[in-house]
Each structure stands twice: as C-alpha cells, then as structure tokens.
Amino acid sequence: MADPEVFPADEAAITQRHWSEMARARQQAPYLQAELGWLDSPIVRERYIHSAISGQPGVSWLEWVMAGYVPRSAASICTLGCGAGGLERHARVLGCQAAFDSFDVSAGALAVAREEAVRLGLAGITYQQADLNSLRSLPNDYEVVFGCMSLHHVLNLEQLFQAVHEALVPGGRLIFNEFIGPRKFQWTDLQLEIINRVLAALPPRLREDRTQPGTAKEPVKRPTVEEMDRIDPSEAALSDRIMPLAHQVFEPVVIREYGGTILHLLLDRIMGNFREDAEADREILLDVFQLEALLLKTKVLPSDFAVAVFEKP
C-alpha cells in the first residue's frame, strides 16, 4: 500500500464547517436543493436517473440495491460519510432493521442526523464523528458498507478501501453512489463546450440563475484548484481513482453509470426554472437527457456518476 497522503488540519476544518452549514441549510429548507441541483430534482430523478440505475422510474438507487444486493438478514451495516443521515432514515423506511454504524467528519451534519433520528423515533443507528482520510479500521464486522457522495471527498482512498475490506465479512459488499468524474472538477474542454452550447440555446426564462434572480446564468467554467480548495479542499479529491481502486481491492458485482457529465453542470442553479407541469419545459429536459445518453453511449464523454456494488471475495 502506498503511504497515505496527509490532509492538513486547517483544510479538514474548512471541510467540516462547509458540510455543517450545508446540512443545517438542507434541514431548514429541504426544497432548495431541488430548485438548484440536478440530483435533487424529482423530474431528473424519475425521468432520467432512476431509469438508468434501476430501469424503473419509480425505483431509486437505494431501493434498487436494498432489494437486490443487501441481504434481508443483514445485521450490521456501516455508512461512510453519512452526512445528515438521509440514507439510514430511508433504509428504515424500506424495512431494513440492521444496526448502523455511521461516520462523518462534520459535527454539524451529525447533529442534524441525530435530531432527525430522534424526531422519527429511529433506533439502532450510531452516529460517530470520524475523518475518512485517517480511518484505518472500523469497529465491527459488516455485511454491507455504504458510501453515498462521500468517497470522492477522500484523499486516502486506498487506505480506506483496505479498512473496508478488513471489516467486511466474506461475501460482504461495498455499495456506493458516487461522483467519479474529473479530479478537483477539472472539466474537459469538450465537456464545457457542449454544456455551454446547450445553455446558450435555452430560452432566457430557463437560463435565469436561481441564486441571483433577474440574472442569466453565466457560461460554465473550469475552476482553478485554488478556488476549489478555498470552498472545500476535500471536493473531488481523488474522484477519478474511485473505480480503479475499487476494482483492485474488491470484485465487481454490478455497476450502473448514470451520466451527469452534461446535466450536473448545465442544470446547476437553473433546475427550478423547469416546471414539470409545462409541456415545453419537459420536452426540453427530455431532449437534453437524450443528448447526454447519446454522448455516453457513443463514448464521446464518460459518465461522471455511478452506482456500484463490489464484493469481498
């Protein structure tokens, strides 16, 4: 194993503060993310993402993996980067009664997770603060370890995957839903050109920046690494290595890529302009969905997001 890289303490503090603020904002205004981002939009989820992953518009990625890849008898499950605890709460709704050990670096996000668990009367979930970059072992043996939009924030991925491998029982599974695109969001020129051509072709009412009413969304640009580190030093720290390293340590069971290469950046901050009850808006979105699907199918662009199930031999 290569020597793990050091994640500076001051950068870890920036990351903790950023995700604490995000968790509290989502708790106080849960509708906001659907207005701004593609992953939280019901239109995108049901008409594009769910179909790409489960094959059924009404079946989410978690419902799909819980039904097909998580044993009903599972007694112990771990969540890496649990954030505000949405995965554990949804798993309980789906009937999963396994005990959860759930870890996150953000004390603020964990506070929200505990509050919501208490509010809903959910037992058997232990929330613990831990930096996944320095996690060398896990406290129990697990049938399943989950990661949901958290592994791309880990710099010491090889170390973490080895810890997961040791903690999984034989035949245990690592299941993740992740951003696997360019490290530090260093988007390709071709990707940006396609996104900005589509953005420019949208009607003005659909280009309005929801964070700055009355202002059109600017063309998407490649951020500098310094800009990325100023906001969240952990963002996409080693995102392009998630799949290769997972294949080195585990055996793949199933992988579902679901795009986002165009949609992620195109719809950011304008998603709320598209109304599901407006036929013209729906048709435009469906056209963009088909464009991205074609670009992925013909391998003009790779998928930036994927759900994957890996197994410990």
C-alpha atoms as a PDB file:
ATOM      1  CA  MET A   1       0.000   0.000   0.000  1.00  0.00           C
ATOM      2  CA  ALA A   2       1.264   3.487  -0.840  1.00  0.00           C
ATOM      3  CA  ASP A   3       1.925   5.824   2.031  1.00  0.00           C
ATOM      4  CA  PRO A   4      -1.281   7.770   2.764  1.00  0.00           C
ATOM      5  CA  GLU A   5      -1.283  11.443   1.905  1.00  0.00           C
ATOM      6  CA  VAL A   6      -1.786  13.940   4.674  1.00  0.00           C
ATOM      7  CA  PHE A   7      -4.946  16.034   4.730  1.00  0.00           C
ATOM      8  CA  PRO A   8      -3.918  19.246   6.565  1.00  0.00           C
ATOM      9  CA  ALA A   9      -5.771  20.088   9.760  1.00  0.00           C
ATOM     10  CA  ASP A  10      -6.769  23.556   8.528  1.00  0.00           C
ATOM     11  CA  GLU A  11      -8.232  22.094   5.343  1.00  0.00           C
ATOM     12  CA  ALA A  12     -10.130  19.492   7.377  1.00  0.00           C
ATOM     13  CA  ALA A  13     -11.595  22.340   9.453  1.00  0.00           C
ATOM     14  CA  ILE A  14     -12.758  24.138   6.295  1.00  0.00           C
ATOM     15  CA  THR A  15     -14.408  20.917   5.093  1.00  0.00           C
ATOM     16  CA  GLN A  16     -16.148  20.327   8.440  1.00  0.00           C
ATOM     17  CA  ARG A  17     -17.510  23.873   8.541  1.00  0.00           C
ATOM     18  CA  HIS A  18     -18.713  23.729   4.925  1.00  0.00           C
ATOM     19  CA  TRP A  19     -20.678  20.490   5.386  1.00  0.00           C
ATOM     20  CA  SER A  20     -22.064  21.520   8.751  1.00  0.00           C
ATOM     21  CA  GLU A  21     -23.530  24.623   7.123  1.00  0.00           C
ATOM     22  CA  MET A  22     -24.864  22.605   4.186  1.00  0.00           C
ATOM     23  CA  ALA A  23     -26.563  20.044   6.437  1.00  0.00           C
ATOM     24  CA  ARG A  24     -28.306  22.691   8.503  1.00  0.00           C
ATOM     25  CA  ALA A  25     -29.411  24.578   5.384  1.00  0.00           C
ATOM     26  CA  ARG A  26     -30.879  21.408   3.878  1.00  0.00           C
ATOM     27  CA  GLN A  27     -32.738  20.670   7.122  1.00  0.00           C
ATOM     28  CA  GLN A  28     -34.221  24.159   7.261  1.00  0.00           C
ATOM     29  CA  ALA A  29     -35.074  24.434   3.547  1.00  0.00           C
ATOM     30  CA  PRO A  30     -35.217  20.925   2.037  1.00  0.00           C
ATOM     31  CA  TYR A  31     -36.916  22.195  -1.119  1.00  0.00           C
ATOM     32  CA  LEU A  32     -33.987  24.443  -2.037  1.00  0.00           C
ATOM     33  CA  GLN A  33     -31.704  21.753  -3.461  1.00  0.00           C
ATOM     34  CA  ALA A  34     -34.409  20.623  -5.878  1.00  0.00           C
ATOM     35  CA  GLU A  35     -34.559  24.226  -7.071  1.00  0.00           C
ATOM     36  CA  LEU A  36     -30.807  24.399  -7.666  1.00  0.00           C
ATOM     37  CA  GLY A  37     -29.294  20.971  -8.299  1.00  0.00           C
ATOM     38  CA  TRP A  38     -29.995  18.123 -10.687  1.00  0.00           C
ATOM     39  CA  LEU A  39     -29.680  15.208  -8.231  1.00  0.00           C
ATOM     40  CA  ASP A  40     -32.438  16.557  -6.001  1.00  0.00           C
ATOM     41  CA  SER A  41     -34.861  17.341  -8.794  1.00  0.00           C
ATOM     42  CA  PRO A  42     -37.865  14.963  -8.937  1.00  0.00           C
ATOM     43  CA  ILE A  43     -38.056  15.447 -12.726  1.00  0.00           C
ATOM     44  CA  VAL A  44     -34.447  14.415 -13.297  1.00  0.00           C
ATOM     45  CA  ARG A  45     -34.525  11.587 -10.762  1.00  0.00           C
ATOM     46  CA  GLU A  46     -37.681   9.945 -12.038  1.00  0.00           C
ATOM     47  CA  ARG A  47     -37.297  10.582 -15.749  1.00  0.00           C
ATOM     48  CA  TYR A  48     -33.559  10.001 -16.086  1.00  0.00           C
ATOM     49  CA  ILE A  49     -31.517   8.795 -13.109  1.00  0.00           C
ATOM     50  CA  HIS A  50     -33.833   6.073 -11.781  1.00  0.00           C
ATOM     51  CA  SER A  51     -34.301   4.604 -15.237  1.00  0.00           C
ATOM     52  CA  ALA A  52     -30.540   4.494 -15.817  1.00  0.00           C
ATOM     53  CA  ILE A  53     -29.897   2.734 -12.496  1.00  0.00           C
ATOM     54  CA  SER A  54     -32.893   0.541 -11.673  1.00  0.00           C
ATOM     55  CA  GLY A  55     -34.660   0.528 -15.022  1.00  0.00           C
ATOM     56  CA  GLN A  56     -37.823   1.781 -13.334  1.00  0.00           C
ATOM     57  CA  PRO A  57     -38.745   5.485 -12.998  1.00  0.00           C
ATOM     58  CA  GLY A  58     -40.263   4.921  -9.564  1.00  0.00           C
ATOM     59  CA  VAL A  59     -37.381   2.946  -8.050  1.00  0.00           C
ATOM     60  CA  SER A  60     -34.470   4.895  -6.570  1.00  0.00           C
ATOM     61  CA  TRP A  61     -30.877   3.683  -6.401  1.00  0.00           C
ATOM     62  CA  LEU A  62     -31.200   2.803  -2.702  1.00  0.00           C
ATOM     63  CA  GLU A  63     -34.459   0.908  -3.212  1.00  0.00           C
ATOM     64  CA  TRP A  64     -32.796  -0.985  -6.056  1.00  0.00           C
ATOM     65  CA  VAL A  65     -29.693  -2.021  -4.089  1.00  0.00           C
ATOM     66  CA  MET A  66     -31.661  -2.797  -0.918  1.00  0.00           C
ATOM     67  CA  ALA A  67     -33.956  -5.114  -2.876  1.00  0.00           C
ATOM     68  CA  GLY A  68     -31.288  -6.877  -4.872  1.00  0.00           C
ATOM     69  CA  TYR A  69     -27.912  -6.592  -3.165  1.00  0.00           C
ATOM     70  CA  VAL A  70     -28.415  -6.163   0.586  1.00  0.00           C
ATOM     71  CA  PRO A  71     -29.309  -9.424   2.391  1.00  0.00           C
ATOM     72  CA  ARG A  72     -32.581  -9.229   4.287  1.00  0.00           C
ATOM     73  CA  SER A  73     -30.769 -10.959   7.139  1.00  0.00           C
ATOM     74  CA  ALA A  74     -28.038  -8.283   7.332  1.00  0.00           C
ATOM     75  CA  ALA A  75     -27.483  -7.448  10.984  1.00  0.00           C
ATOM     76  CA  SER A  76     -24.735  -4.847  10.760  1.00  0.00           C
ATOM     77  CA  ILE A  77     -24.216  -2.092   8.181  1.00  0.00           C
ATOM     78  CA  CYS A  78     -21.738   0.787   8.019  1.00  0.00           C
ATOM     79  CA  THR A  79     -22.187   4.155   6.314  1.00  0.00           C
ATOM     80  CA  LEU A  80     -19.083   6.123   5.336  1.00  0.00           C
ATOM     81  CA  GLY A  81     -19.792   9.831   5.120  1.00  0.00           C
ATOM     82  CA  CYS A  82     -23.372   9.662   6.353  1.00  0.00           C
ATOM     83  CA  GLY A  83     -23.868  13.428   6.362  1.00  0.00           C
ATOM     84  CA  ALA A  84     -27.258  14.306   7.828  1.00  0.00           C
ATOM     85  CA  GLY A  85     -28.362  10.666   7.913  1.00  0.00           C
ATOM     86  CA  GLY A  86     -30.685  10.501   4.923  1.00  0.00           C
ATOM     87  CA  LEU A  87     -29.540   7.038   3.832  1.00  0.00           C
ATOM     88  CA  GLU A  88     -30.165   5.444   7.224  1.00  0.00           C
ATOM     89  CA  ARG A  89     -33.616   7.009   7.521  1.00  0.00           C
ATOM     90  CA  HIS A  90     -34.574   5.851   4.023  1.00  0.00           C
ATOM     91  CA  ALA A  91     -33.261   2.338   4.772  1.00  0.00           C
ATOM     92  CA  ARG A  92     -35.548   2.151   7.801  1.00  0.00           C
ATOM     93  CA  VAL A  93     -38.500   3.210   5.644  1.00  0.00           C
ATOM     94  CA  LEU A  94     -37.577   0.357   3.281  1.00  0.00           C
ATOM     95  CA  GLY A  95     -37.758  -2.106   6.166  1.00  0.00           C
ATOM     96  CA  CYS A  96     -34.059  -2.553   6.889  1.00  0.00           C
ATOM     97  CA  GLN A  97     -33.637  -3.324  10.594  1.00  0.00           C
ATOM     98  CA  ALA A  98     -29.848  -3.768  10.633  1.00  0.00           C
ATOM     99  CA  ALA A  99     -27.787  -1.850  13.161  1.00  0.00           C
ATOM    100  CA  PHE A 100     -25.972   1.054  11.533  1.00  0.00           C
ATOM    101  CA  ASP A 101     -22.545   2.450  12.406  1.00  0.00           C
ATOM    102  CA  SER A 102     -22.471   5.765  10.558  1.00  0.00           C
ATOM    103  CA  PHE A 103     -19.455   8.055  10.271  1.00  0.00           C
ATOM    104  CA  ASP A 104     -18.953  11.613   9.086  1.00  0.00           C
ATOM    105  CA  VAL A 105     -16.335  14.318   9.507  1.00  0.00           C
ATOM    106  CA  SER A 106     -18.896  17.066  10.111  1.00  0.00           C
ATOM    107  CA  ALA A 107     -20.124  17.530  13.668  1.00  0.00           C
ATOM    108  CA  GLY A 108     -22.883  19.798  12.394  1.00  0.00           C
ATOM    109  CA  ALA A 109     -24.173  17.215   9.935  1.00  0.00           C
ATOM    110  CA  LEU A 110     -24.103  14.529  12.631  1.00  0.00           C
ATOM    111  CA  ALA A 111     -26.102  16.786  14.949  1.00  0.00           C
ATOM    112  CA  VAL A 112     -28.796  17.068  12.273  1.00  0.00           C
ATOM    113  CA  ALA A 113     -28.727  13.282  11.732  1.00  0.00           C
ATOM    114  CA  ARG A 114     -29.225  12.601  15.451  1.00  0.00           C
ATOM    115  CA  GLU A 115     -32.013  15.183  15.705  1.00  0.00           C
ATOM    116  CA  GLU A 116     -33.885  13.637  12.786  1.00  0.00           C
ATOM    117  CA  ALA A 117     -33.437  10.088  14.126  1.00  0.00           C
ATOM    118  CA  VAL A 118     -34.866  11.145  17.484  1.00  0.00           C
ATOM    119  CA  ARG A 119     -37.701  13.063  15.849  1.00  0.00           C
ATOM    120  CA  LEU A 120     -38.700   9.981  13.837  1.00  0.00           C
ATOM    121  CA  GLY A 121     -38.157   7.548  16.712  1.00  0.00           C
ATOM    122  CA  LEU A 122     -35.467   5.555  14.896  1.00  0.00           C
ATOM    123  CA  ALA A 123     -33.274   3.259  16.988  1.00  0.00           C
ATOM    124  CA  GLY A 124     -30.203   1.191  16.202  1.00  0.00           C
ATOM    125  CA  ILE A 125     -28.256   3.938  14.423  1.00  0.00           C
ATOM    126  CA  THR A 126     -24.953   5.070  15.938  1.00  0.00           C
ATOM    127  CA  TYR A 127     -23.563   8.321  14.553  1.00  0.00           C
ATOM    128  CA  GLN A 128     -19.854   8.950  15.110  1.00  0.00           C
ATOM    129  CA  GLN A 129     -17.500  11.715  14.037  1.00  0.00           C
ATOM    130  CA  ALA A 130     -14.542  10.467  12.021  1.00  0.00           C
ATOM    131  CA  ASP A 131     -12.295  11.752   9.247  1.00  0.00           C
ATOM    132  CA  LEU A 132     -12.387   9.125   6.492  1.00  0.00           C
ATOM    133  CA  ASN A 133      -8.894  10.213   5.454  1.00  0.00           C
ATOM    134  CA  SER A 134      -7.429   8.905   8.695  1.00  0.00           C
ATOM    135  CA  LEU A 135      -9.750   5.935   9.243  1.00  0.00           C
ATOM    136  CA  ARG A 136      -7.541   2.829   9.383  1.00  0.00           C
ATOM    137  CA  SER A 137     -10.063   0.401  10.894  1.00  0.00           C
ATOM    138  CA  LEU A 138     -13.777   0.022  11.535  1.00  0.00           C
ATOM    139  CA  PRO A 139     -15.280  -1.103  14.866  1.00  0.00           C
ATOM    140  CA  ASN A 140     -17.315  -4.113  13.683  1.00  0.00           C
ATOM    141  CA  ASP A 141     -17.743  -6.783  11.041  1.00  0.00           C
ATOM    142  CA  TYR A 142     -20.280  -5.724   8.429  1.00  0.00           C
ATOM    143  CA  GLU A 143     -22.366  -7.381   5.745  1.00  0.00           C
ATOM    144  CA  VAL A 144     -22.578  -4.070   3.877  1.00  0.00           C
ATOM    145  CA  VAL A 145     -20.634  -0.815   3.803  1.00  0.00           C
ATOM    146  CA  PHE A 146     -22.308   2.151   2.095  1.00  0.00           C
ATOM    147  CA  GLY A 147     -20.823   5.296   0.620  1.00  0.00           C
ATOM    148  CA  CYS A 148     -23.129   7.950  -0.819  1.00  0.00           C
ATOM    149  CA  MET A 149     -21.475  11.008  -2.364  1.00  0.00           C
ATOM    150  CA  SER A 150     -18.734  10.745   0.245  1.00  0.00           C
ATOM    151  CA  LEU A 151     -15.902   8.676  -1.238  1.00  0.00           C
ATOM    152  CA  HIS A 152     -14.999  11.405  -3.724  1.00  0.00           C
ATOM    153  CA  HIS A 153     -14.102  13.543  -0.695  1.00  0.00           C
ATOM    154  CA  VAL A 154     -11.436  11.056   0.460  1.00  0.00           C
ATOM    155  CA  LEU A 155      -7.771  11.534  -0.383  1.00  0.00           C
ATOM    156  CA  ASN A 156      -6.548   8.333   1.305  1.00  0.00           C
ATOM    157  CA  LEU A 157      -8.833   6.068  -0.700  1.00  0.00           C
ATOM    158  CA  GLU A 158      -6.519   3.062  -0.786  1.00  0.00           C
ATOM    159  CA  GLN A 159      -6.194   3.103   2.999  1.00  0.00           C
ATOM    160  CA  LEU A 160      -9.960   3.449   3.414  1.00  0.00           C
ATOM    161  CA  PHE A 161     -10.726   0.626   0.981  1.00  0.00           C
ATOM    162  CA  GLN A 162      -8.322  -1.653   2.818  1.00  0.00           C
ATOM    163  CA  ALA A 163     -10.079  -0.823   6.103  1.00  0.00           C
ATOM    164  CA  VAL A 164     -13.431  -1.631   4.474  1.00  0.00           C
ATOM    165  CA  HIS A 165     -12.064  -4.882   3.071  1.00  0.00           C
ATOM    166  CA  GLU A 166     -10.912  -5.961   6.523  1.00  0.00           C
ATOM    167  CA  ALA A 167     -14.224  -5.007   8.146  1.00  0.00           C
ATOM    168  CA  LEU A 168     -16.462  -6.817   5.638  1.00  0.00           C
ATOM    169  CA  VAL A 169     -17.427 -10.411   6.305  1.00  0.00           C
ATOM    170  CA  PRO A 170     -16.599 -12.854   3.458  1.00  0.00           C
ATOM    171  CA  GLY A 171     -19.036 -12.059   0.683  1.00  0.00           C
ATOM    172  CA  GLY A 172     -19.792  -8.681   2.268  1.00  0.00           C
ATOM    173  CA  ARG A 173     -20.415  -5.784  -0.069  1.00  0.00           C
ATOM    174  CA  LEU A 174     -19.219  -2.235  -0.603  1.00  0.00           C
ATOM    175  CA  ILE A 175     -22.044  -0.277  -2.235  1.00  0.00           C
ATOM    176  CA  PHE A 176     -21.642   3.301  -3.338  1.00  0.00           C
ATOM    177  CA  ASN A 177     -23.376   6.067  -5.268  1.00  0.00           C
ATOM    178  CA  GLU A 178     -20.604   8.437  -6.287  1.00  0.00           C
ATOM    179  CA  PHE A 179     -19.187  11.213  -8.395  1.00  0.00           C
ATOM    180  CA  ILE A 180     -16.398   9.525 -10.367  1.00  0.00           C
ATOM    181  CA  GLY A 181     -15.609  12.392 -12.737  1.00  0.00           C
ATOM    182  CA  PRO A 182     -12.576  14.672 -13.087  1.00  0.00           C
ATOM    183  CA  ARG A 183     -10.459  15.269 -10.011  1.00  0.00           C
ATOM    184  CA  LYS A 184     -10.963  18.728  -8.467  1.00  0.00           C
ATOM    185  CA  PHE A 185     -13.665  19.365 -11.097  1.00  0.00           C
ATOM    186  CA  GLN A 186     -11.136  19.877 -13.878  1.00  0.00           C
ATOM    187  CA  TRP A 187     -13.756  19.572 -16.592  1.00  0.00           C
ATOM    188  CA  THR A 188     -12.594  18.802 -20.137  1.00  0.00           C
ATOM    189  CA  ASP A 189     -12.735  21.392 -22.912  1.00  0.00           C
ATOM    190  CA  LEU A 190     -15.169  19.250 -24.921  1.00  0.00           C
ATOM    191  CA  GLN A 191     -17.474  18.797 -21.923  1.00  0.00           C
ATOM    192  CA  LEU A 192     -17.562  22.550 -21.275  1.00  0.00           C
ATOM    193  CA  GLU A 193     -18.121  23.379 -24.935  1.00  0.00           C
ATOM    194  CA  ILE A 194     -21.151  21.084 -25.176  1.00  0.00           C
ATOM    195  CA  ILE A 195     -22.614  22.323 -21.880  1.00  0.00           C
ATOM    196  CA  ASN A 196     -22.285  25.973 -22.811  1.00  0.00           C
ATOM    197  CA  ARG A 197     -23.717  25.477 -26.303  1.00  0.00           C
ATOM    198  CA  VAL A 198     -26.792  23.838 -24.786  1.00  0.00           C
ATOM    199  CA  LEU A 199     -27.034  26.551 -22.116  1.00  0.00           C
ATOM    200  CA  ALA A 200     -26.933  29.291 -24.761  1.00  0.00           C
ATOM    201  CA  ALA A 201     -29.692  27.534 -26.728  1.00  0.00           C
ATOM    202  CA  LEU A 202     -32.134  27.513 -23.778  1.00  0.00           C
ATOM    203  CA  PRO A 203     -34.898  30.129 -23.681  1.00  0.00           C
ATOM    204  CA  PRO A 204     -33.949  33.109 -21.473  1.00  0.00           C
ATOM    205  CA  ARG A 205     -36.569  32.199 -18.829  1.00  0.00           C
ATOM    206  CA  LEU A 206     -34.846  28.843 -18.302  1.00  0.00           C
ATOM    207  CA  ARG A 207     -31.374  30.386 -18.011  1.00  0.00           C
ATOM    208  CA  GLU A 208     -32.188  32.594 -15.019  1.00  0.00           C
ATOM    209  CA  ASP A 209     -29.807  31.933 -12.109  1.00  0.00           C
ATOM    210  CA  ARG A 210     -31.996  30.896  -9.158  1.00  0.00           C
ATOM    211  CA  THR A 211     -29.401  32.228  -6.717  1.00  0.00           C
ATOM    212  CA  GLN A 212     -29.441  35.663  -8.390  1.00  0.00           C
ATOM    213  CA  PRO A 213     -32.992  36.414  -9.594  1.00  0.00           C
ATOM    214  CA  GLY A 214     -33.114  38.501 -12.748  1.00  0.00           C
ATOM    215  CA  THR A 215     -29.611  37.434 -13.802  1.00  0.00           C
ATOM    216  CA  ALA A 216     -28.807  34.911 -16.510  1.00  0.00           C
ATOM    217  CA  LYS A 217     -26.560  32.006 -15.614  1.00  0.00           C
ATOM    218  CA  GLU A 218     -23.003  32.593 -16.764  1.00  0.00           C
ATOM    219  CA  PRO A 219     -21.254  30.094 -19.054  1.00  0.00           C
ATOM    220  CA  VAL A 220     -19.767  27.210 -17.081  1.00  0.00           C
ATOM    221  CA  LYS A 221     -16.028  27.493 -16.475  1.00  0.00           C
ATOM    222  CA  ARG A 222     -13.348  25.165 -15.195  1.00  0.00           C
ATOM    223  CA  PRO A 223     -12.497  26.201 -11.616  1.00  0.00           C
ATOM    224  CA  THR A 224      -8.904  26.517 -10.526  1.00  0.00           C
ATOM    225  CA  VAL A 225      -7.649  24.082  -7.918  1.00  0.00           C
ATOM    226  CA  GLU A 226      -7.108  27.075  -5.604  1.00  0.00           C
ATOM    227  CA  GLU A 227     -10.771  28.055  -5.960  1.00  0.00           C
ATOM    228  CA  MET A 228     -11.834  24.508  -5.167  1.00  0.00           C
ATOM    229  CA  ASP A 229      -9.631  24.347  -2.087  1.00  0.00           C
ATOM    230  CA  ARG A 230     -10.951  27.656  -0.795  1.00  0.00           C
ATOM    231  CA  ILE A 231     -14.550  26.347  -0.756  1.00  0.00           C
ATOM    232  CA  ASP A 232     -13.969  22.692   0.186  1.00  0.00           C
ATOM    233  CA  PRO A 233     -10.468  21.175  -0.024  1.00  0.00           C
ATOM    234  CA  SER A 234     -11.912  17.668   0.021  1.00  0.00           C
ATOM    235  CA  GLU A 235     -14.123  18.126  -3.049  1.00  0.00           C
ATOM    236  CA  ALA A 236     -13.339  15.536  -5.750  1.00  0.00           C
ATOM    237  CA  ALA A 237     -10.009  14.911  -4.032  1.00  0.00           C
ATOM    238  CA  LEU A 238      -9.412  11.601  -5.824  1.00  0.00           C
ATOM    239  CA  SER A 239     -12.695  11.093  -7.670  1.00  0.00           C
ATOM    240  CA  ASP A 240     -11.096   9.666 -10.796  1.00  0.00           C
ATOM    241  CA  ARG A 241      -9.448   6.876  -8.768  1.00  0.00           C
ATOM    242  CA  ILE A 242     -12.555   5.517  -7.028  1.00  0.00           C
ATOM    243  CA  MET A 243     -13.405   2.929  -9.677  1.00  0.00           C
ATOM    244  CA  PRO A 244      -9.841   1.748 -10.431  1.00  0.00           C
ATOM    245  CA  LEU A 245      -9.038   1.307  -6.733  1.00  0.00           C
ATOM    246  CA  ALA A 246     -12.345  -0.441  -6.011  1.00  0.00           C
ATOM    247  CA  HIS A 247     -11.560  -2.930  -8.779  1.00  0.00           C
ATOM    248  CA  GLN A 248      -8.137  -3.570  -7.259  1.00  0.00           C
ATOM    249  CA  VAL A 249      -9.456  -4.386  -3.783  1.00  0.00           C
ATOM    250  CA  PHE A 250     -12.896  -5.914  -4.458  1.00  0.00           C
ATOM    251  CA  GLU A 251     -14.771  -7.960  -7.050  1.00  0.00           C
ATOM    252  CA  PRO A 252     -17.359  -6.016  -9.092  1.00  0.00           C
ATOM    253  CA  VAL A 253     -20.928  -7.305  -8.865  1.00  0.00           C
ATOM    254  CA  VAL A 254     -22.848  -4.653 -10.802  1.00  0.00           C
ATOM    255  CA  ILE A 255     -22.128  -1.094 -11.961  1.00  0.00           C
ATOM    256  CA  ARG A 256     -24.722   1.371 -13.232  1.00  0.00           C
ATOM    257  CA  GLU A 257     -23.392   4.588 -14.736  1.00  0.00           C
ATOM    258  CA  TYR A 258     -25.966   7.367 -14.906  1.00  0.00           C
ATOM    259  CA  GLY A 259     -24.292  10.301 -16.570  1.00  0.00           C
ATOM    260  CA  GLY A 260     -24.364  13.757 -15.088  1.00  0.00           C
ATOM    261  CA  THR A 261     -21.480  14.759 -17.344  1.00  0.00           C
ATOM    262  CA  ILE A 262     -23.682  17.362 -19.013  1.00  0.00           C
ATOM    263  CA  LEU A 263     -26.704  17.597 -16.708  1.00  0.00           C
ATOM    264  CA  HIS A 264     -24.749  18.191 -13.479  1.00  0.00           C
ATOM    265  CA  LEU A 265     -23.245  21.468 -14.671  1.00  0.00           C
ATOM    266  CA  LEU A 266     -25.910  22.567 -17.108  1.00  0.00           C
ATOM    267  CA  LEU A 267     -28.779  22.404 -14.601  1.00  0.00           C
ATOM    268  CA  ASP A 268     -26.884  23.737 -11.594  1.00  0.00           C
ATOM    269  CA  ARG A 269     -28.679  26.845 -10.261  1.00  0.00           C
ATOM    270  CA  ILE A 270     -31.338  26.766 -13.015  1.00  0.00           C
ATOM    271  CA  MET A 271     -33.130  23.488 -12.268  1.00  0.00           C
ATOM    272  CA  GLY A 272     -36.011  25.262 -10.570  1.00  0.00           C
ATOM    273  CA  ASN A 273     -36.867  27.101 -13.792  1.00  0.00           C
ATOM    274  CA  PHE A 274     -38.119  23.880 -15.381  1.00  0.00           C
ATOM    275  CA  ARG A 275     -41.739  23.213 -14.433  1.00  0.00           C
ATOM    276  CA  GLU A 276     -43.000  19.649 -14.638  1.00  0.00           C
ATOM    277  CA  ASP A 277     -46.491  20.871 -15.475  1.00  0.00           C
ATOM    278  CA  ALA A 278     -45.170  22.818 -18.509  1.00  0.00           C
ATOM    279  CA  GLU A 279     -45.014  20.630 -21.611  1.00  0.00           C
ATOM    280  CA  ALA A 280     -42.354  22.786 -23.303  1.00  0.00           C
ATOM    281  CA  ASP A 281     -40.078  22.542 -20.251  1.00  0.00           C
ATOM    282  CA  ARG A 282     -40.494  18.777 -20.069  1.00  0.00           C
ATOM    283  CA  GLU A 283     -39.702  18.388 -23.759  1.00  0.00           C
ATOM    284  CA  ILE A 284     -36.520  20.449 -23.468  1.00  0.00           C
ATOM    285  CA  LEU A 285     -35.351  18.391 -20.492  1.00  0.00           C
ATOM    286  CA  LEU A 286     -36.086  15.143 -22.300  1.00  0.00           C
ATOM    287  CA  ASP A 287     -34.080  16.379 -25.287  1.00  0.00           C
ATOM    288  CA  VAL A 288     -31.119  17.146 -23.017  1.00  0.00           C
ATOM    289  CA  PHE A 289     -31.467  13.724 -21.355  1.00  0.00           C
ATOM    290  CA  GLN A 290     -31.316  12.080 -24.781  1.00  0.00           C
ATOM    291  CA  LEU A 291     -28.300  14.165 -25.788  1.00  0.00           C
ATOM    292  CA  GLU A 292     -26.338  13.121 -22.715  1.00  0.00           C
ATOM    293  CA  ALA A 293     -27.364   9.482 -23.114  1.00  0.00           C
ATOM    294  CA  LEU A 294     -26.160   9.541 -26.734  1.00  0.00           C
ATOM    295  CA  LEU A 295     -22.823  11.120 -25.787  1.00  0.00           C
ATOM    296  CA  LEU A 296     -22.291   8.417 -23.160  1.00  0.00           C
ATOM    297  CA  LYS A 297     -23.419   5.556 -25.413  1.00  0.00           C
ATOM    298  CA  THR A 298     -21.069   6.619 -28.200  1.00  0.00           C
ATOM    299  CA  LYS A 299     -18.280   7.229 -25.654  1.00  0.00           C
ATOM    300  CA  VAL A 300     -17.842  10.831 -26.720  1.00  0.00           C
ATOM    301  CA  LEU A 301     -17.970  11.610 -23.000  1.00  0.00           C
ATOM    302  CA  PRO A 302     -17.643   9.337 -19.949  1.00  0.00           C
ATOM    303  CA  SER A 303     -20.173   9.131 -17.133  1.00  0.00           C
ATOM    304  CA  ASP A 304     -19.368  11.343 -14.142  1.00  0.00           C
ATOM    305  CA  PHE A 305     -21.670   9.451 -11.740  1.00  0.00           C
ATOM    306  CA  ALA A 306     -22.233   5.786 -10.971  1.00  0.00           C
ATOM    307  CA  VAL A 307     -23.840   3.365  -8.537  1.00  0.00           C
ATOM    308  CA  ALA A 308     -21.692   0.293  -7.921  1.00  0.00           C
ATOM    309  CA  VAL A 309     -21.816  -2.909  -5.899  1.00  0.00           C
ATOM    310  CA  PHE A 310     -18.480  -4.568  -5.093  1.00  0.00           C
ATOM    311  CA  GLU A 311     -17.926  -7.722  -3.074  1.00  0.00           C
ATOM    312  CA  LYS A 312     -15.229  -9.062  -0.783  1.00  0.00           C
ATOM    313  CA  PRO A 313     -14.214 -12.426  -2.290  1.00  0.00           C
END
